[in-house]
Full PDB file with SEQRES, HELIX, SHEET, SSBOND, CRYST1, ORIGX, SCALE, CONECT and MASTER records, all heavy atoms in Angstrom:
SEQRES   1 A   42  PHE THR ALA THR ARG HIS MET THR GLY PRO VAL LEU GLU          
SEQRES   2 A   42  THR GLU ASN GLY ASP GLY THR ARG LEU ASP THR HIS VAL          
SEQRES   3 A   42  ARG GLY TYR HIS HIS ILE ALA GLY ALA ASP GLY GLY ASP          
SEQRES   4 A   42  ILE TRP ALA                                                  
SHEET    1 AA1 3 ALA A   3  THR A   8  0                                        
SHEET    2 AA1 3 VAL A  26  HIS A  31 -1                                        
SHEET    3 AA1 3 ILE A  40  TRP A  41 -1                                        
SHEET    1 AA2 2 LEU A  12  ASN A  16  0                                        
SHEET    2 AA2 2 GLY A  19  ASP A  23 -1                                        
CRYST1    1.000    1.000    1.000  90.00  90.00  90.00 P 1           1          
ORIGX1      1.000000  0.000000  0.000000        0.00000                         
ORIGX2      0.000000  1.000000  0.000000        0.00000                         
ORIGX3      0.000000  0.000000  1.000000        0.00000                         
SCALE1      1.000000  0.000000  0.000000        0.00000                         
SCALE2      0.000000  1.000000  0.000000        0.00000                         
SCALE3      0.000000  0.000000  1.000000        0.00000                         
ATOM      1  N   PHE A   1     224.510-137.271  16.576  1.00  0.00           N  
ATOM      2  CA  PHE A   1     225.572-138.255  16.722  1.00  0.00           C  
ATOM      3  C   PHE A   1     226.411-138.311  15.456  1.00  0.00           C  
ATOM      4  O   PHE A   1     225.895-138.200  14.347  1.00  0.00           O  
ATOM      5  CB  PHE A   1     225.011-139.648  17.010  1.00  0.00           C  
ATOM      6  CG  PHE A   1     224.300-139.743  18.324  1.00  0.00           C  
ATOM      7  CD1 PHE A   1     222.937-139.908  18.373  1.00  0.00           C  
ATOM      8  CD2 PHE A   1     225.004-139.653  19.519  1.00  0.00           C  
ATOM      9  CE1 PHE A   1     222.271-139.987  19.588  1.00  0.00           C  
ATOM     10  CE2 PHE A   1     224.342-139.726  20.733  1.00  0.00           C  
ATOM     11  CZ  PHE A   1     222.975-139.892  20.771  1.00  0.00           C  
ATOM     12  N   THR A   2     227.718-138.534  15.626  1.00  0.00           N  
ATOM     13  CA  THR A   2     228.599-138.722  14.488  1.00  0.00           C  
ATOM     14  C   THR A   2     228.331-140.086  13.860  1.00  0.00           C  
ATOM     15  O   THR A   2     228.332-140.236  12.643  1.00  0.00           O  
ATOM     16  CB  THR A   2     230.070-138.632  14.932  1.00  0.00           C  
ATOM     17  OG1 THR A   2     230.250-137.431  15.676  1.00  0.00           O  
ATOM     18  CG2 THR A   2     231.008-138.650  13.746  1.00  0.00           C  
ATOM     19  N   ALA A   3     228.108-141.085  14.713  1.00  0.00           N  
ATOM     20  CA  ALA A   3     227.801-142.448  14.259  1.00  0.00           C  
ATOM     21  C   ALA A   3     227.110-143.197  15.388  1.00  0.00           C  
ATOM     22  O   ALA A   3     227.274-142.854  16.563  1.00  0.00           O  
ATOM     23  CB  ALA A   3     229.086-143.179  13.863  1.00  0.00           C  
ATOM     24  N   THR A   4     226.328-144.198  15.030  1.00  0.00           N  
ATOM     25  CA  THR A   4     225.722-145.087  16.016  1.00  0.00           C  
ATOM     26  C   THR A   4     225.851-146.524  15.532  1.00  0.00           C  
ATOM     27  O   THR A   4     225.984-146.779  14.339  1.00  0.00           O  
ATOM     28  CB  THR A   4     224.227-144.785  16.257  1.00  0.00           C  
ATOM     29  OG1 THR A   4     223.500-145.037  15.057  1.00  0.00           O  
ATOM     30  CG2 THR A   4     224.010-143.351  16.707  1.00  0.00           C  
ATOM     31  N   ARG A   5     225.799-147.450  16.489  1.00  0.00           N  
ATOM     32  CA  ARG A   5     225.793-148.874  16.155  1.00  0.00           C  
ATOM     33  C   ARG A   5     224.949-149.567  17.213  1.00  0.00           C  
ATOM     34  O   ARG A   5     225.214-149.435  18.409  1.00  0.00           O  
ATOM     35  CB  ARG A   5     227.199-149.438  16.156  1.00  0.00           C  
ATOM     36  CG  ARG A   5     227.223-150.913  15.815  1.00  0.00           C  
ATOM     37  CD  ARG A   5     228.625-151.445  15.770  1.00  0.00           C  
ATOM     38  NE  ARG A   5     228.590-152.786  15.259  1.00  0.00           N  
ATOM     39  CZ  ARG A   5     229.607-153.406  14.739  1.00  0.00           C  
ATOM     40  NH1 ARG A   5     230.765-152.785  14.647  1.00  0.00           N  
ATOM     41  NH2 ARG A   5     229.499-154.630  14.295  1.00  0.00           N  
ATOM     42  N   HIS A   6     223.943-150.291  16.781  1.00  0.00           N  
ATOM     43  CA  HIS A   6     223.061-151.015  17.683  1.00  0.00           C  
ATOM     44  C   HIS A   6     223.107-152.487  17.315  1.00  0.00           C  
ATOM     45  O   HIS A   6     222.855-152.843  16.168  1.00  0.00           O  
ATOM     46  CB  HIS A   6     221.633-150.488  17.583  1.00  0.00           C  
ATOM     47  CG  HIS A   6     221.507-149.076  18.064  1.00  0.00           C  
ATOM     48  ND1 HIS A   6     221.891-147.999  17.287  1.00  0.00           N  
ATOM     49  CD2 HIS A   6     221.084-148.576  19.241  1.00  0.00           C  
ATOM     50  CE1 HIS A   6     221.693-146.895  17.973  1.00  0.00           C  
ATOM     51  NE2 HIS A   6     221.206-147.211  19.162  1.00  0.00           N  
ATOM     52  N   MET A   7     223.459-153.299  18.280  1.00  0.00           N  
ATOM     53  CA  MET A   7     223.553-154.748  18.057  1.00  0.00           C  
ATOM     54  C   MET A   7     222.499-155.438  18.911  1.00  0.00           C  
ATOM     55  O   MET A   7     222.415-155.178  20.117  1.00  0.00           O  
ATOM     56  CB  MET A   7     224.946-155.240  18.425  1.00  0.00           C  
ATOM     57  CG  MET A   7     226.031-154.625  17.551  1.00  0.00           C  
ATOM     58  SD  MET A   7     227.697-154.992  18.123  1.00  0.00           S  
ATOM     59  CE  MET A   7     227.779-153.903  19.532  1.00  0.00           C  
ATOM     60  N   THR A   8     221.716-156.286  18.284  1.00  0.00           N  
ATOM     61  CA  THR A   8     220.685-157.019  18.998  1.00  0.00           C  
ATOM     62  C   THR A   8     220.996-158.508  18.972  1.00  0.00           C  
ATOM     63  O   THR A   8     221.728-158.991  18.118  1.00  0.00           O  
ATOM     64  CB  THR A   8     219.291-156.775  18.380  1.00  0.00           C  
ATOM     65  OG1 THR A   8     219.287-157.243  17.039  1.00  0.00           O  
ATOM     66  CG2 THR A   8     218.924-155.302  18.435  1.00  0.00           C  
ATOM     67  N   GLY A   9     220.411-159.203  19.924  1.00  0.00           N  
ATOM     68  CA  GLY A   9     220.557-160.656  19.979  1.00  0.00           C  
ATOM     69  C   GLY A   9     219.419-161.312  19.227  1.00  0.00           C  
ATOM     70  O   GLY A   9     218.693-160.651  18.470  1.00  0.00           O  
ATOM     71  N   PRO A  10     219.222-162.591  19.442  1.00  0.00           N  
ATOM     72  CA  PRO A  10     218.084-163.267  18.818  1.00  0.00           C  
ATOM     73  C   PRO A  10     216.780-162.588  19.251  1.00  0.00           C  
ATOM     74  O   PRO A  10     216.675-162.063  20.349  1.00  0.00           O  
ATOM     75  CB  PRO A  10     218.155-164.691  19.379  1.00  0.00           C  
ATOM     76  CG  PRO A  10     219.559-164.847  19.853  1.00  0.00           C  
ATOM     77  CD  PRO A  10     220.011-163.486  20.272  1.00  0.00           C  
ATOM     78  N   VAL A  11     215.787-162.630  18.380  1.00  0.00           N  
ATOM     79  CA  VAL A  11     214.500-162.003  18.659  1.00  0.00           C  
ATOM     80  C   VAL A  11     213.475-163.076  18.972  1.00  0.00           C  
ATOM     81  O   VAL A  11     213.296-164.021  18.202  1.00  0.00           O  
ATOM     82  CB  VAL A  11     214.021-161.152  17.457  1.00  0.00           C  
ATOM     83  CG1 VAL A  11     212.649-160.563  17.722  1.00  0.00           C  
ATOM     84  CG2 VAL A  11     215.038-160.056  17.152  1.00  0.00           C  
ATOM     85  N   LEU A  12     212.815-162.925  20.130  1.00  0.00           N  
ATOM     86  CA  LEU A  12     211.733-163.825  20.523  1.00  0.00           C  
ATOM     87  C   LEU A  12     210.419-163.188  20.088  1.00  0.00           C  
ATOM     88  O   LEU A  12     210.109-162.063  20.475  1.00  0.00           O  
ATOM     89  CB  LEU A  12     211.742-164.046  22.038  1.00  0.00           C  
ATOM     90  CG  LEU A  12     210.610-164.891  22.606  1.00  0.00           C  
ATOM     91  CD1 LEU A  12     210.654-166.308  22.049  1.00  0.00           C  
ATOM     92  CD2 LEU A  12     210.670-164.899  24.118  1.00  0.00           C  
ATOM     93  N   GLU A  13     209.667-163.893  19.280  1.00  0.00           N  
ATOM     94  CA  GLU A  13     208.397-163.380  18.749  1.00  0.00           C  
ATOM     95  C   GLU A  13     207.238-164.077  19.438  1.00  0.00           C  
ATOM     96  O   GLU A  13     207.180-165.306  19.490  1.00  0.00           O  
ATOM     97  CB  GLU A  13     208.347-163.644  17.243  1.00  0.00           C  
ATOM     98  CG  GLU A  13     207.121-163.129  16.565  1.00  0.00           C  
ATOM     99  CD  GLU A  13     207.166-163.357  15.065  1.00  0.00           C  
ATOM    100  OE1 GLU A  13     208.260-163.322  14.471  1.00  0.00           O  
ATOM    101  OE2 GLU A  13     206.073-163.577  14.486  1.00  0.00           O  
ATOM    102  N   THR A  14     206.301-163.274  19.960  1.00  0.00           N  
ATOM    103  CA  THR A  14     205.128-163.813  20.644  1.00  0.00           C  
ATOM    104  C   THR A  14     203.882-163.158  20.065  1.00  0.00           C  
ATOM    105  O   THR A  14     203.757-161.933  20.096  1.00  0.00           O  
ATOM    106  CB  THR A  14     205.193-163.523  22.165  1.00  0.00           C  
ATOM    107  OG1 THR A  14     206.430-163.982  22.681  1.00  0.00           O  
ATOM    108  CG2 THR A  14     204.053-164.200  22.894  1.00  0.00           C  
ATOM    109  N   GLU A  15     202.974-163.962  19.521  1.00  0.00           N  
ATOM    110  CA  GLU A  15     201.714-163.440  19.004  1.00  0.00           C  
ATOM    111  C   GLU A  15     200.789-163.153  20.179  1.00  0.00           C  
ATOM    112  O   GLU A  15     200.741-163.905  21.140  1.00  0.00           O  
ATOM    113  CB  GLU A  15     201.053-164.459  18.071  1.00  0.00           C  
ATOM    114  CG  GLU A  15     201.859-164.781  16.831  1.00  0.00           C  
ATOM    115  CD  GLU A  15     201.954-163.600  15.884  1.00  0.00           C  
ATOM    116  OE1 GLU A  15     201.014-162.796  15.799  1.00  0.00           O  
ATOM    117  OE2 GLU A  15     203.000-163.493  15.212  1.00  0.00           O  
ATOM    118  N   ASN A  16     200.079-162.014  20.090  1.00  0.00           N  
ATOM    119  CA  ASN A  16     199.048-161.730  21.082  1.00  0.00           C  
ATOM    120  C   ASN A  16     197.799-161.271  20.342  1.00  0.00           C  
ATOM    121  O   ASN A  16     197.780-161.205  19.118  1.00  0.00           O  
ATOM    122  CB  ASN A  16     199.534-160.718  22.135  1.00  0.00           C  
ATOM    123  CG  ASN A  16     200.058-159.433  21.538  1.00  0.00           C  
ATOM    124  OD1 ASN A  16     199.532-158.966  20.529  1.00  0.00           O  
ATOM    125  ND2 ASN A  16     201.078-158.874  22.142  1.00  0.00           N  
ATOM    126  N   GLY A  17     196.757-160.934  21.058  1.00  0.00           N  
ATOM    127  CA  GLY A  17     195.467-160.651  20.438  1.00  0.00           C  
ATOM    128  C   GLY A  17     195.451-159.491  19.462  1.00  0.00           C  
ATOM    129  O   GLY A  17     194.683-159.502  18.511  1.00  0.00           O  
ATOM    130  N   ASP A  18     196.296-158.501  19.667  1.00  0.00           N  
ATOM    131  CA  ASP A  18     196.234-157.317  18.810  1.00  0.00           C  
ATOM    132  C   ASP A  18     197.529-157.050  18.051  1.00  0.00           C  
ATOM    133  O   ASP A  18     197.775-155.939  17.595  1.00  0.00           O  
ATOM    134  CB  ASP A  18     195.851-156.093  19.637  1.00  0.00           C  
ATOM    135  CG  ASP A  18     196.850-155.799  20.742  1.00  0.00           C  
ATOM    136  OD1 ASP A  18     197.660-156.682  21.088  1.00  0.00           O  
ATOM    137  OD2 ASP A  18     196.839-154.667  21.262  1.00  0.00           O  
ATOM    138  N   GLY A  19     198.364-158.049  17.907  1.00  0.00           N  
ATOM    139  CA  GLY A  19     199.620-157.865  17.176  1.00  0.00           C  
ATOM    140  C   GLY A  19     200.666-158.868  17.612  1.00  0.00           C  
ATOM    141  O   GLY A  19     200.347-159.976  18.017  1.00  0.00           O  
ATOM    142  N   THR A  20     201.912-158.441  17.539  1.00  0.00           N  
ATOM    143  CA  THR A  20     203.041-159.304  17.866  1.00  0.00           C  
ATOM    144  C   THR A  20     203.970-158.568  18.819  1.00  0.00           C  
ATOM    145  O   THR A  20     204.222-157.375  18.646  1.00  0.00           O  
ATOM    146  CB  THR A  20     203.819-159.679  16.592  1.00  0.00           C  
ATOM    147  OG1 THR A  20     202.929-160.302  15.672  1.00  0.00           O  
ATOM    148  CG2 THR A  20     204.965-160.627  16.884  1.00  0.00           C  
ATOM    149  N   ARG A  21     204.496-159.287  19.800  1.00  0.00           N  
ATOM    150  CA  ARG A  21     205.504-158.734  20.708  1.00  0.00           C  
ATOM    151  C   ARG A  21     206.859-159.316  20.300  1.00  0.00           C  
ATOM    152  O   ARG A  21     206.992-160.520  20.095  1.00  0.00           O  
ATOM    153  CB  ARG A  21     205.183-159.113  22.149  1.00  0.00           C  
ATOM    154  CG  ARG A  21     206.249-158.676  23.126  1.00  0.00           C  
ATOM    155  CD  ARG A  21     205.898-159.081  24.533  1.00  0.00           C  
ATOM    156  NE  ARG A  21     207.065-159.021  25.393  1.00  0.00           N  
ATOM    157  CZ  ARG A  21     207.033-158.691  26.662  1.00  0.00           C  
ATOM    158  NH1 ARG A  21     205.884-158.395  27.246  1.00  0.00           N  
ATOM    159  NH2 ARG A  21     208.142-158.674  27.372  1.00  0.00           N  
ATOM    160  N   LEU A  22     207.851-158.431  20.173  1.00  0.00           N  
ATOM    161  CA  LEU A  22     209.218-158.834  19.858  1.00  0.00           C  
ATOM    162  C   LEU A  22     210.119-158.445  21.018  1.00  0.00           C  
ATOM    163  O   LEU A  22     210.081-157.302  21.468  1.00  0.00           O  
ATOM    164  CB  LEU A  22     209.697-158.150  18.574  1.00  0.00           C  
ATOM    165  CG  LEU A  22     208.843-158.351  17.331  1.00  0.00           C  
ATOM    166  CD1 LEU A  22     209.386-157.513  16.188  1.00  0.00           C  
ATOM    167  CD2 LEU A  22     208.776-159.816  16.948  1.00  0.00           C  
ATOM    168  N   ASP A  23     210.933-159.391  21.500  1.00  0.00           N  
ATOM    169  CA  ASP A  23     211.866-159.157  22.597  1.00  0.00           C  
ATOM    170  C   ASP A  23     213.284-159.456  22.141  1.00  0.00           C  
ATOM    171  O   ASP A  23     213.518-160.482  21.497  1.00  0.00           O  
ATOM    172  CB  ASP A  23     211.558-160.096  23.776  1.00  0.00           C  
ATOM    173  CG  ASP A  23     210.321-159.701  24.541  1.00  0.00           C  
ATOM    174  OD1 ASP A  23     209.201-160.041  24.107  1.00  0.00           O  
ATOM    175  OD2 ASP A  23     210.485-159.057  25.587  1.00  0.00           O  
ATOM    176  N   THR A  24     214.235-158.571  22.494  1.00  0.00           N  
ATOM    177  CA  THR A  24     215.643-158.806  22.184  1.00  0.00           C  
ATOM    178  C   THR A  24     216.524-157.940  23.073  1.00  0.00           C  
ATOM    179  O   THR A  24     216.140-156.840  23.457  1.00  0.00           O  
ATOM    180  CB  THR A  24     215.966-158.529  20.701  1.00  0.00           C  
ATOM    181  OG1 THR A  24     217.303-158.942  20.430  1.00  0.00           O  
ATOM    182  CG2 THR A  24     215.800-157.080  20.340  1.00  0.00           C  
ATOM    183  N   HIS A  25     217.687-158.448  23.411  1.00  0.00           N  
ATOM    184  CA  HIS A  25     218.683-157.628  24.103  1.00  0.00           C  
ATOM    185  C   HIS A  25     219.333-156.700  23.088  1.00  0.00           C  
ATOM    186  O   HIS A  25     219.382-157.005  21.893  1.00  0.00           O  
ATOM    187  CB  HIS A  25     219.761-158.498  24.743  1.00  0.00           C  
ATOM    188  CG  HIS A  25     219.346-159.152  26.022  1.00  0.00           C  
ATOM    189  ND1 HIS A  25     218.129-158.960  26.623  1.00  0.00           N  
ATOM    190  CD2 HIS A  25     220.016-159.998  26.833  1.00  0.00           C  
ATOM    191  CE1 HIS A  25     218.067-159.662  27.748  1.00  0.00           C  
ATOM    192  NE2 HIS A  25     219.200-160.309  27.891  1.00  0.00           N  
ATOM    193  N   VAL A  26     219.851-155.565  23.566  1.00  0.00           N  
ATOM    194  CA  VAL A  26     220.476-154.593  22.673  1.00  0.00           C  
ATOM    195  C   VAL A  26     221.667-153.940  23.352  1.00  0.00           C  
ATOM    196  O   VAL A  26     221.669-153.742  24.568  1.00  0.00           O  
ATOM    197  CB  VAL A  26     219.472-153.503  22.211  1.00  0.00           C  
ATOM    198  CG1 VAL A  26     218.939-152.709  23.387  1.00  0.00           C  
ATOM    199  CG2 VAL A  26     220.080-152.584  21.164  1.00  0.00           C  
ATOM    200  N   ARG A  27     222.684-153.669  22.549  1.00  0.00           N  
ATOM    201  CA  ARG A  27     223.808-152.820  22.936  1.00  0.00           C  
ATOM    202  C   ARG A  27     223.853-151.709  21.915  1.00  0.00           C  
ATOM    203  O   ARG A  27     223.946-151.956  20.716  1.00  0.00           O  
ATOM    204  CB  ARG A  27     225.134-153.571  22.893  1.00  0.00           C  
ATOM    205  CG  ARG A  27     225.331-154.542  24.002  1.00  0.00           C  
ATOM    206  CD  ARG A  27     226.691-155.179  23.873  1.00  0.00           C  
ATOM    207  NE  ARG A  27     226.956-155.981  25.045  1.00  0.00           N  
ATOM    208  CZ  ARG A  27     228.130-156.429  25.386  1.00  0.00           C  
ATOM    209  NH1 ARG A  27     229.177-156.166  24.624  1.00  0.00           N  
ATOM    210  NH2 ARG A  27     228.296-157.142  26.467  1.00  0.00           N  
ATOM    211  N   GLY A  28     223.764-150.478  22.387  1.00  0.00           N  
ATOM    212  CA  GLY A  28     223.802-149.332  21.490  1.00  0.00           C  
ATOM    213  C   GLY A  28     225.017-148.471  21.793  1.00  0.00           C  
ATOM    214  O   GLY A  28     225.207-148.051  22.928  1.00  0.00           O  
ATOM    215  N   TYR A  29     225.841-148.262  20.789  1.00  0.00           N  
ATOM    216  CA  TYR A  29     227.028-147.419  20.929  1.00  0.00           C  
ATOM    217  C   TYR A  29     226.802-146.148  20.122  1.00  0.00           C  
ATOM    218  O   TYR A  29     226.400-146.206  18.957  1.00  0.00           O  
ATOM    219  CB  TYR A  29     228.277-148.152  20.445  1.00  0.00           C  
ATOM    220  CG  TYR A  29     228.605-149.332  21.309  1.00  0.00           C  
ATOM    221  CD1 TYR A  29     228.124-150.600  20.993  1.00  0.00           C  
ATOM    222  CD2 TYR A  29     229.378-149.179  22.453  1.00  0.00           C  
ATOM    223  CE1 TYR A  29     228.403-151.688  21.803  1.00  0.00           C  
ATOM    224  CE2 TYR A  29     229.664-150.268  23.268  1.00  0.00           C  
ATOM    225  CZ  TYR A  29     229.176-151.514  22.934  1.00  0.00           C  
ATOM    226  OH  TYR A  29     229.452-152.590  23.747  1.00  0.00           O  
ATOM    227  N   HIS A  30     227.060-145.013  20.752  1.00  0.00           N  
ATOM    228  CA  HIS A  30     226.805-143.715  20.154  1.00  0.00           C  
ATOM    229  C   HIS A  30     228.095-142.916  20.188  1.00  0.00           C  
ATOM    230  O   HIS A  30     228.679-142.729  21.250  1.00  0.00           O  
ATOM    231  CB  HIS A  30     225.709-142.994  20.933  1.00  0.00           C  
ATOM    232  CG  HIS A  30     224.488-143.831  21.124  1.00  0.00           C  
ATOM    233  ND1 HIS A  30     224.397-144.802  22.119  1.00  0.00           N  
ATOM    234  CD2 HIS A  30     223.325-143.885  20.429  1.00  0.00           C  
ATOM    235  CE1 HIS A  30     223.223-145.400  22.027  1.00  0.00           C  
ATOM    236  NE2 HIS A  30     222.554-144.855  21.014  1.00  0.00           N  
ATOM    237  N   HIS A  31     228.530-142.454  19.031  1.00  0.00           N  
ATOM    238  CA  HIS A  31     229.774-141.690  18.922  1.00  0.00           C  
ATOM    239  C   HIS A  31     229.413-140.222  18.715  1.00  0.00           C  
ATOM    240  O   HIS A  31     228.638-139.885  17.808  1.00  0.00           O  
ATOM    241  CB  HIS A  31     230.612-142.196  17.748  1.00  0.00           C  
ATOM    242  CG  HIS A  31     231.931-141.521  17.638  1.00  0.00           C  
ATOM    243  ND1 HIS A  31     232.149-140.477  16.771  1.00  0.00           N  
ATOM    244  CD2 HIS A  31     233.097-141.722  18.290  1.00  0.00           C  
ATOM    245  CE1 HIS A  31     233.406-140.074  16.892  1.00  0.00           C  
ATOM    246  NE2 HIS A  31     233.995-140.804  17.798  1.00  0.00           N  
ATOM    247  N   ILE A  32     229.963-139.361  19.572  1.00  0.00           N  
ATOM    248  CA  ILE A  32     229.745-137.923  19.473  1.00  0.00           C  
ATOM    249  C   ILE A  32     231.130-137.284  19.420  1.00  0.00           C  
ATOM    250  O   ILE A  32     231.793-137.106  20.444  1.00  0.00           O  
ATOM    251  CB  ILE A  32     228.947-137.393  20.678  1.00  0.00           C  
ATOM    252  CG1 ILE A  32     227.650-138.184  20.826  1.00  0.00           C  
ATOM    253  CG2 ILE A  32     228.674-135.908  20.523  1.00  0.00           C  
ATOM    254  CD1 ILE A  32     226.938-137.972  22.133  1.00  0.00           C  
ATOM    255  N   ALA A  33     231.588-136.985  18.215  1.00  0.00           N  
ATOM    256  CA  ALA A  33     232.945-136.478  18.015  1.00  0.00           C  
ATOM    257  C   ALA A  33     233.181-135.204  18.808  1.00  0.00           C  
ATOM    258  O   ALA A  33     232.372-134.274  18.772  1.00  0.00           O  
ATOM    259  CB  ALA A  33     233.192-136.219  16.533  1.00  0.00           C  
ATOM    260  N   GLY A  34     234.279-135.194  19.559  1.00  0.00           N  
ATOM    261  CA  GLY A  34     234.701-134.007  20.281  1.00  0.00           C  
ATOM    262  C   GLY A  34     233.913-133.679  21.530  1.00  0.00           C  
ATOM    263  O   GLY A  34     234.072-132.596  22.088  1.00  0.00           O  
ATOM    264  N   ALA A  35     233.085-134.591  22.001  1.00  0.00           N  
ATOM    265  CA  ALA A  35     232.286-134.315  23.200  1.00  0.00           C  
ATOM    266  C   ALA A  35     233.191-134.216  24.428  1.00  0.00           C  
ATOM    267  O   ALA A  35     234.128-135.004  24.582  1.00  0.00           O  
ATOM    268  CB  ALA A  35     231.250-135.411  23.406  1.00  0.00           C  
ATOM    269  N   ASP A  36     232.930-133.236  25.276  1.00  0.00           N  
ATOM    270  CA  ASP A  36     233.658-133.134  26.540  1.00  0.00           C  
ATOM    271  C   ASP A  36     233.389-134.399  27.353  1.00  0.00           C  
ATOM    272  O   ASP A  36     232.247-134.819  27.480  1.00  0.00           O  
ATOM    273  CB  ASP A  36     233.198-131.912  27.333  1.00  0.00           C  
ATOM    274  CG  ASP A  36     233.628-130.596  26.698  1.00  0.00           C  
ATOM    275  OD1 ASP A  36     234.586-130.616  25.895  1.00  0.00           O  
ATOM    276  OD2 ASP A  36     233.006-129.573  26.999  1.00  0.00           O  
ATOM    277  N   GLY A  37     234.433-135.015  27.868  1.00  0.00           N  
ATOM    278  CA  GLY A  37     234.265-136.213  28.685  1.00  0.00           C  
ATOM    279  C   GLY A  37     234.376-137.514  27.918  1.00  0.00           C  
ATOM    280  O   GLY A  37     234.250-138.581  28.499  1.00  0.00           O  
ATOM    281  N   GLY A  38     234.578-137.448  26.613  1.00  0.00           N  
ATOM    282  CA  GLY A  38     234.737-138.662  25.813  1.00  0.00           C  
ATOM    283  C   GLY A  38     233.740-138.745  24.676  1.00  0.00           C  
ATOM    284  O   GLY A  38     232.664-138.157  24.735  1.00  0.00           O  
ATOM    285  N   ASP A  39     234.107-139.497  23.662  1.00  0.00           N  
ATOM    286  CA  ASP A  39     233.314-139.576  22.437  1.00  0.00           C  
ATOM    287  C   ASP A  39     232.231-140.654  22.448  1.00  0.00           C  
ATOM    288  O   ASP A  39     231.377-140.666  21.571  1.00  0.00           O  
ATOM    289  CB  ASP A  39     234.222-139.858  21.235  1.00  0.00           C  
ATOM    290  CG  ASP A  39     235.141-138.702  20.899  1.00  0.00           C  
ATOM    291  OD1 ASP A  39     234.930-137.597  21.432  1.00  0.00           O  
ATOM    292  OD2 ASP A  39     236.069-138.909  20.103  1.00  0.00           O  
ATOM    293  N   ILE A  40     232.288-141.590  23.396  1.00  0.00           N  
ATOM    294  CA  ILE A  40     231.396-142.752  23.358  1.00  0.00           C  
ATOM    295  C   ILE A  40     230.407-142.742  24.521  1.00  0.00           C  
ATOM    296  O   ILE A  40     230.772-142.533  25.672  1.00  0.00           O  
ATOM    297  CB  ILE A  40     232.201-144.073  23.400  1.00  0.00           C  
ATOM    298  CG1 ILE A  40     233.184-144.150  22.227  1.00  0.00           C  
ATOM    299  CG2 ILE A  40     231.270-145.287  23.409  1.00  0.00           C  
ATOM    300  CD1 ILE A  40     232.548-144.218  20.862  1.00  0.00           C  
ATOM    301  N   TRP A  41     229.142-143.000  24.180  1.00  0.00           N  
ATOM    302  CA  TRP A  41     228.084-143.239  25.168  1.00  0.00           C  
ATOM    303  C   TRP A  41     227.459-144.571  24.774  1.00  0.00           C  
ATOM    304  O   TRP A  41     227.005-144.745  23.644  1.00  0.00           O  
ATOM    305  CB  TRP A  41     227.058-142.116  25.126  1.00  0.00           C  
ATOM    306  CG  TRP A  41     225.796-142.372  25.880  1.00  0.00           C  
ATOM    307  CD1 TRP A  41     225.674-142.759  27.185  1.00  0.00           C  
ATOM    308  CD2 TRP A  41     224.460-142.243  25.382  1.00  0.00           C  
ATOM    309  NE1 TRP A  41     224.349-142.871  27.521  1.00  0.00           N  
ATOM    310  CE2 TRP A  41     223.582-142.559  26.432  1.00  0.00           C  
ATOM    311  CE3 TRP A  41     223.928-141.882  24.144  1.00  0.00           C  
ATOM    312  CZ2 TRP A  41     222.201-142.533  26.295  1.00  0.00           C  
ATOM    313  CZ3 TRP A  41     222.551-141.860  24.008  1.00  0.00           C  
ATOM    314  CH2 TRP A  41     221.704-142.177  25.081  1.00  0.00           C  
ATOM    315  N   ALA A  42     227.455-145.526  25.698  1.00  0.00           N  
ATOM    316  CA  ALA A  42     226.922-146.857  25.412  1.00  0.00           C  
ATOM    317  C   ALA A  42     225.731-147.156  26.314  1.00  0.00           C  
ATOM    318  O   ALA A  42     225.733-146.819  27.498  1.00  0.00           O  
ATOM    319  CB  ALA A  42     227.995-147.920  25.602  1.00  0.00           C  
TER     320      ALA A  42                                                      
MASTER        0    0    0    0    5    0    0    6  319    1    0    4          
END                                                                             
């Protein structure tokens, strides 16, 4: 990738018996310069 950008929302943290679970929404934008069909994959 030429560049990437990942944006997450608030993170919900939940403790469980063997560690922690983290939940969040994400938008990931990936730029691939000169790619046939367009430069952006989201």
